[in-house]
Amino acid sequence: MQPAQPFSNRRNFLKAGAAIAAGMTGLSLLPTQGFSHTMPGDNDINIIGPKEGYSPQVGTLVSMMGWMRMVMLSSVKGLKQDQLDFLLDDKANTIGAMLYHLAATNTFYHLHTFEGVKWGSWDDSSKKKWEVAMELGEPARK
C-alpha cells in the first residue's frame, strides 16, 4: 500500500485549491464586529490635514493629535490596572508609565509652546507632578 499523495495530479491540486478558497471565502461571512474597533463619531479622524477654524499648520497639528488620541485610547481600552502596571523586565517601562509620559510630554509642549516655559524653569508643583513621567527610567518603574 502506498501513502496517499494529496497533490499527485492536477485534478487533486485544483480540488484542494478550490476547497481552501471556499473555506477562506466562508470566513468573510463571519461577523467582523469582534475583529474591529469602533470608530468615534468624527468620520474624518483618519484625514490628516488642515481643519476648519484653524490656520493650516495648527489644523494639521490638531488633526494629528486627534488621530493619535483615538489610536492610544483604543489600544488601551479595557485594560485592567495589573495589565497597565505589568513590567516585562527590569529595564522596561509599563504601559501606564508610557501613557503618563505622553501626558507629561503633552504638558511640556503646551507650556513651552504657548507660555514660553522651559523644562528647567517649571514651578515646583509642575515639576513634582511631571518629572518622573518625563524622565522615566528607574523612578518610573517604582
C-alpha atoms as a PDB file:
ATOM      1  CA  MET A   1       0.000   0.000   0.000  1.00  0.00           C
ATOM      2  CA  GLN A   2       1.381   3.395  -0.988  1.00  0.00           C
ATOM      3  CA  PRO A   3       0.888   6.528   1.107  1.00  0.00           C
ATOM      4  CA  ALA A   4      -1.709   8.953  -0.201  1.00  0.00           C
ATOM      5  CA  GLN A   5      -0.324  11.939  -2.019  1.00  0.00           C
ATOM      6  CA  PRO A   6      -2.894  14.721  -1.969  1.00  0.00           C
ATOM      7  CA  PHE A   7      -1.434  16.752  -4.851  1.00  0.00           C
ATOM      8  CA  SER A   8      -0.240  13.903  -7.066  1.00  0.00           C
ATOM      9  CA  ASN A   9      -2.044  15.280 -10.093  1.00  0.00           C
ATOM     10  CA  ARG A  10      -3.616  18.470 -11.381  1.00  0.00           C
ATOM     11  CA  ARG A  11      -7.173  17.415 -10.589  1.00  0.00           C
ATOM     12  CA  ASN A  12      -6.412  16.806  -6.894  1.00  0.00           C
ATOM     13  CA  PHE A  13      -4.456  20.045  -6.709  1.00  0.00           C
ATOM     14  CA  LEU A  14      -7.353  22.035  -8.181  1.00  0.00           C
ATOM     15  CA  LYS A  15      -9.899  20.347  -5.888  1.00  0.00           C
ATOM     16  CA  ALA A  16      -7.819  21.138  -2.823  1.00  0.00           C
ATOM     17  CA  GLY A  17      -7.235  24.701  -4.011  1.00  0.00           C
ATOM     18  CA  ALA A  18     -10.966  25.224  -4.583  1.00  0.00           C
ATOM     19  CA  ALA A  19     -11.777  23.823  -1.141  1.00  0.00           C
ATOM     20  CA  ILE A  20      -9.268  26.149   0.526  1.00  0.00           C
ATOM     21  CA  ALA A  21     -10.571  29.146  -1.433  1.00  0.00           C
ATOM     22  CA  ALA A  22     -14.173  28.301  -0.493  1.00  0.00           C
ATOM     23  CA  GLY A  23     -13.186  27.964   3.151  1.00  0.00           C
ATOM     24  CA  MET A  24     -11.384  31.293   3.167  1.00  0.00           C
ATOM     25  CA  THR A  25     -14.346  32.940   1.444  1.00  0.00           C
ATOM     26  CA  GLY A  26     -16.631  31.478   4.090  1.00  0.00           C
ATOM     27  CA  LEU A  27     -14.592  33.219   6.783  1.00  0.00           C
ATOM     28  CA  SER A  28     -15.575  36.562   5.280  1.00  0.00           C
ATOM     29  CA  LEU A  29     -19.188  35.763   6.124  1.00  0.00           C
ATOM     30  CA  LEU A  30     -18.438  35.774   9.850  1.00  0.00           C
ATOM     31  CA  PRO A  31     -19.415  38.938  11.696  1.00  0.00           C
ATOM     32  CA  THR A  32     -16.497  41.345  11.700  1.00  0.00           C
ATOM     33  CA  GLN A  33     -17.623  43.129  14.841  1.00  0.00           C
ATOM     34  CA  GLY A  34     -15.265  41.081  17.007  1.00  0.00           C
ATOM     35  CA  PHE A  35     -12.317  41.847  14.760  1.00  0.00           C
ATOM     36  CA  SER A  36     -12.636  45.605  14.584  1.00  0.00           C
ATOM     37  CA  HIS A  37     -12.509  48.619  16.844  1.00  0.00           C
ATOM     38  CA  THR A  38     -15.326  51.094  16.970  1.00  0.00           C
ATOM     39  CA  MET A  39     -14.570  54.450  15.435  1.00  0.00           C
ATOM     40  CA  PRO A  40     -15.566  57.702  17.077  1.00  0.00           C
ATOM     41  CA  GLY A  41     -18.392  59.794  15.660  1.00  0.00           C
ATOM     42  CA  ASP A  42     -15.911  62.053  13.876  1.00  0.00           C
ATOM     43  CA  ASN A  43     -15.758  60.329  10.477  1.00  0.00           C
ATOM     44  CA  ASP A  44     -12.782  62.337   9.229  1.00  0.00           C
ATOM     45  CA  ILE A  45     -10.497  61.191  12.067  1.00  0.00           C
ATOM     46  CA  ASN A  46      -8.196  59.460   9.545  1.00  0.00           C
ATOM     47  CA  ILE A  47      -7.776  62.593   7.448  1.00  0.00           C
ATOM     48  CA  ILE A  48      -4.622  64.394   8.489  1.00  0.00           C
ATOM     49  CA  GLY A  49      -4.507  67.973   7.299  1.00  0.00           C
ATOM     50  CA  PRO A  50      -5.919  71.441   7.782  1.00  0.00           C
ATOM     51  CA  LYS A  51      -9.156  71.679   9.773  1.00  0.00           C
ATOM     52  CA  GLU A  52     -11.833  74.305   9.534  1.00  0.00           C
ATOM     53  CA  GLY A  53     -11.450  77.066  12.098  1.00  0.00           C
ATOM     54  CA  TYR A  54      -7.650  76.757  12.374  1.00  0.00           C
ATOM     55  CA  SER A  55      -4.696  78.020  10.391  1.00  0.00           C
ATOM     56  CA  PRO A  56      -3.400  75.281   8.039  1.00  0.00           C
ATOM     57  CA  GLN A  57      -0.455  74.324  10.284  1.00  0.00           C
ATOM     58  CA  VAL A  58      -2.433  74.336  13.532  1.00  0.00           C
ATOM     59  CA  GLY A  59      -5.313  72.471  11.875  1.00  0.00           C
ATOM     60  CA  THR A  60      -2.904  69.778  10.702  1.00  0.00           C
ATOM     61  CA  LEU A  61      -1.456  69.525  14.219  1.00  0.00           C
ATOM     62  CA  VAL A  62      -4.959  69.284  15.720  1.00  0.00           C
ATOM     63  CA  SER A  63      -5.924  66.527  13.271  1.00  0.00           C
ATOM     64  CA  MET A  64      -2.726  64.591  14.062  1.00  0.00           C
ATOM     65  CA  MET A  65      -3.299  64.911  17.803  1.00  0.00           C
ATOM     66  CA  GLY A  66      -6.929  63.814  17.455  1.00  0.00           C
ATOM     67  CA  TRP A  67      -5.901  60.744  15.466  1.00  0.00           C
ATOM     68  CA  MET A  68      -3.149  59.854  17.944  1.00  0.00           C
ATOM     69  CA  ARG A  69      -5.540  60.228  20.867  1.00  0.00           C
ATOM     70  CA  MET A  70      -8.020  57.862  19.217  1.00  0.00           C
ATOM     71  CA  VAL A  71      -5.291  55.313  18.467  1.00  0.00           C
ATOM     72  CA  MET A  72      -3.894  55.428  22.009  1.00  0.00           C
ATOM     73  CA  LEU A  73      -7.280  55.176  23.715  1.00  0.00           C
ATOM     74  CA  SER A  74      -8.446  52.315  21.509  1.00  0.00           C
ATOM     75  CA  SER A  75      -5.173  50.463  22.204  1.00  0.00           C
ATOM     76  CA  VAL A  76      -5.577  50.512  25.981  1.00  0.00           C
ATOM     77  CA  LYS A  77      -9.364  50.479  26.280  1.00  0.00           C
ATOM     78  CA  GLY A  78     -10.477  47.842  28.749  1.00  0.00           C
ATOM     79  CA  LEU A  79      -7.029  47.116  30.196  1.00  0.00           C
ATOM     80  CA  LYS A  80      -7.029  46.405  33.919  1.00  0.00           C
ATOM     81  CA  GLN A  81      -4.671  48.013  36.457  1.00  0.00           C
ATOM     82  CA  ASP A  82      -2.420  44.940  36.635  1.00  0.00           C
ATOM     83  CA  GLN A  83      -2.079  44.964  32.829  1.00  0.00           C
ATOM     84  CA  LEU A  84      -1.196  48.672  32.807  1.00  0.00           C
ATOM     85  CA  ASP A  85       1.366  48.079  35.570  1.00  0.00           C
ATOM     86  CA  PHE A  86       2.919  44.923  34.053  1.00  0.00           C
ATOM     87  CA  LEU A  87       6.706  45.148  33.854  1.00  0.00           C
ATOM     88  CA  LEU A  88       8.292  42.886  31.228  1.00  0.00           C
ATOM     89  CA  ASP A  89      11.789  43.138  32.699  1.00  0.00           C
ATOM     90  CA  ASP A  90      13.860  45.361  34.976  1.00  0.00           C
ATOM     91  CA  LYS A  91      14.736  47.760  32.129  1.00  0.00           C
ATOM     92  CA  ALA A  92      11.241  48.114  30.632  1.00  0.00           C
ATOM     93  CA  ASN A  93       8.529  50.665  31.277  1.00  0.00           C
ATOM     94  CA  THR A  94       4.921  49.803  31.979  1.00  0.00           C
ATOM     95  CA  ILE A  95       2.063  50.770  29.668  1.00  0.00           C
ATOM     96  CA  GLY A  96       0.793  53.051  32.424  1.00  0.00           C
ATOM     97  CA  ALA A  97       4.183  54.785  32.682  1.00  0.00           C
ATOM     98  CA  MET A  98       4.255  55.304  28.930  1.00  0.00           C
ATOM     99  CA  LEU A  99       0.771  56.827  28.989  1.00  0.00           C
ATOM    100  CA  TYR A 100       1.855  59.088  31.842  1.00  0.00           C
ATOM    101  CA  HIS A 101       4.935  60.020  29.781  1.00  0.00           C
ATOM    102  CA  LEU A 102       2.678  61.026  26.864  1.00  0.00           C
ATOM    103  CA  ALA A 103       0.639  63.238  29.192  1.00  0.00           C
ATOM    104  CA  ALA A 104       3.815  64.811  30.593  1.00  0.00           C
ATOM    105  CA  THR A 105       5.213  65.402  27.103  1.00  0.00           C
ATOM    106  CA  ASN A 106       1.932  66.994  26.023  1.00  0.00           C
ATOM    107  CA  THR A 107       2.062  69.262  29.077  1.00  0.00           C
ATOM    108  CA  PHE A 108       5.696  70.162  28.342  1.00  0.00           C
ATOM    109  CA  TYR A 109       4.956  71.116  24.725  1.00  0.00           C
ATOM    110  CA  HIS A 110       1.901  73.098  25.770  1.00  0.00           C
ATOM    111  CA  LEU A 111       3.815  75.095  28.389  1.00  0.00           C
ATOM    112  CA  HIS A 112       6.871  75.520  26.171  1.00  0.00           C
ATOM    113  CA  THR A 113       4.958  76.491  23.009  1.00  0.00           C
ATOM    114  CA  PHE A 114       2.174  78.651  24.369  1.00  0.00           C
ATOM    115  CA  GLU A 115       3.661  80.034  27.578  1.00  0.00           C
ATOM    116  CA  GLY A 116       7.393  80.006  26.813  1.00  0.00           C
ATOM    117  CA  VAL A 117       8.205  77.918  29.903  1.00  0.00           C
ATOM    118  CA  LYS A 118      11.419  75.895  29.572  1.00  0.00           C
ATOM    119  CA  TRP A 119      11.786  72.432  31.182  1.00  0.00           C
ATOM    120  CA  GLY A 120      14.286  73.566  33.805  1.00  0.00           C
ATOM    121  CA  SER A 121      12.139  76.506  34.845  1.00  0.00           C
ATOM    122  CA  TRP A 122       8.917  74.673  35.723  1.00  0.00           C
ATOM    123  CA  ASP A 123       7.418  75.625  39.065  1.00  0.00           C
ATOM    124  CA  ASP A 124       7.883  73.098  41.879  1.00  0.00           C
ATOM    125  CA  SER A 125       4.333  71.691  41.770  1.00  0.00           C
ATOM    126  CA  SER A 126       4.532  71.031  37.991  1.00  0.00           C
ATOM    127  CA  LYS A 127       7.997  69.570  38.319  1.00  0.00           C
ATOM    128  CA  LYS A 128       6.860  67.290  41.165  1.00  0.00           C
ATOM    129  CA  LYS A 129       3.839  66.116  39.152  1.00  0.00           C
ATOM    130  CA  TRP A 130       5.559  65.518  35.792  1.00  0.00           C
ATOM    131  CA  GLU A 131       9.305  64.999  36.369  1.00  0.00           C
ATOM    132  CA  VAL A 132       9.179  61.218  36.876  1.00  0.00           C
ATOM    133  CA  ALA A 133       6.937  60.804  33.848  1.00  0.00           C
ATOM    134  CA  MET A 134       9.218  62.948  31.674  1.00  0.00           C
ATOM    135  CA  GLU A 135      12.388  61.156  32.708  1.00  0.00           C
ATOM    136  CA  LEU A 136      11.018  57.555  33.001  1.00  0.00           C
ATOM    137  CA  GLY A 137      13.754  55.076  33.976  1.00  0.00           C
ATOM    138  CA  GLU A 138      14.013  53.531  37.439  1.00  0.00           C
ATOM    139  CA  PRO A 139      11.860  56.103  39.284  1.00  0.00           C
ATOM    140  CA  ALA A 140       9.000  55.479  36.827  1.00  0.00           C
ATOM    141  CA  ARG A 141       9.280  51.699  37.288  1.00  0.00           C
ATOM    142  CA  LYS A 142       8.634  52.195  41.013  1.00  0.00           C
END
